[in-house]
Protein backbone atom coordinates (compact mmCIF):
# COMPACT_ATOMS: atom_id res chain seq x y z
CA UNK A 1 0.00 0.00 0.00
CA UNK A 2 1.27 3.49 -0.77
CA UNK A 3 0.13 7.09 -1.00
CA UNK A 4 1.31 9.68 -3.49
CA UNK A 5 2.06 13.11 -1.98
CA UNK A 6 3.77 16.29 -3.16
CA UNK A 7 7.04 17.48 -1.67
CA UNK A 8 6.50 20.70 0.25
CA UNK A 9 9.79 22.13 -0.98
CA UNK A 10 10.19 21.18 -4.65
CA UNK A 11 6.54 20.29 -5.48
CA UNK A 12 7.49 16.95 -7.07
CA UNK A 13 5.12 14.11 -6.26
CA UNK A 14 6.55 10.97 -4.67
CA UNK A 15 5.23 7.84 -3.01
CA UNK A 16 5.07 7.04 0.67
CA UNK A 17 5.17 3.30 1.30
CA UNK A 18 3.75 1.44 4.27
CA UNK A 19 6.25 1.17 7.11
CA UNK A 20 7.96 4.53 6.53
CA UNK A 21 7.84 7.17 9.25
CA UNK A 22 6.25 9.76 6.95
CA UNK A 23 3.58 7.21 6.00
CA UNK A 24 2.71 6.75 9.67
CA UNK A 25 2.46 10.52 10.16
CA UNK A 26 0.20 10.79 7.13
CA UNK A 27 -2.11 8.08 8.46
CA UNK A 28 -2.24 9.67 11.92
CA UNK A 29 -2.55 13.19 10.42
CA UNK A 30 0.25 14.44 12.65
CA UNK A 31 2.07 16.20 9.83
CA UNK A 32 1.07 17.93 6.63
CA UNK A 33 4.62 18.72 5.53
CA UNK A 34 6.27 16.02 3.45
CA UNK A 35 9.70 16.14 1.86
CA UNK A 36 11.27 13.90 -0.78
CA UNK A 37 14.63 12.25 -0.05
CA UNK A 38 16.61 14.91 -1.96
CA UNK A 39 15.00 17.80 -0.08
CA UNK A 40 15.35 16.04 3.29
CA UNK A 41 19.06 15.60 2.59
CA UNK A 42 19.48 19.27 1.60
CA UNK A 43 17.61 20.51 4.67
CA UNK A 44 19.64 18.28 6.99
CA UNK A 45 22.93 19.30 5.37
CA UNK A 46 22.05 23.02 5.64
CA UNK A 47 21.14 22.60 9.32
CA UNK A 48 24.44 20.87 10.07
CA UNK A 49 26.41 23.47 8.13
CA UNK A 50 24.65 26.35 9.93
CA UNK A 51 25.24 24.69 13.29
CA UNK A 52 28.99 24.39 12.75
CA UNK A 53 29.38 27.83 11.16
CA UNK A 54 28.04 29.46 14.34
CA UNK A 55 31.09 28.25 16.31
């Protein structure tokens, strides 16, 4: 079972498969913001870079 959602950042649609954390959040309606793997990686990398640049 899967759902097709749009990435909040890049607006590309992607599939959420059963067993993934984002899939669980979709089913429980805890989150309305979904990010594809590329955008999640970019966001995480930017956060790490900003964290270390502050020191």
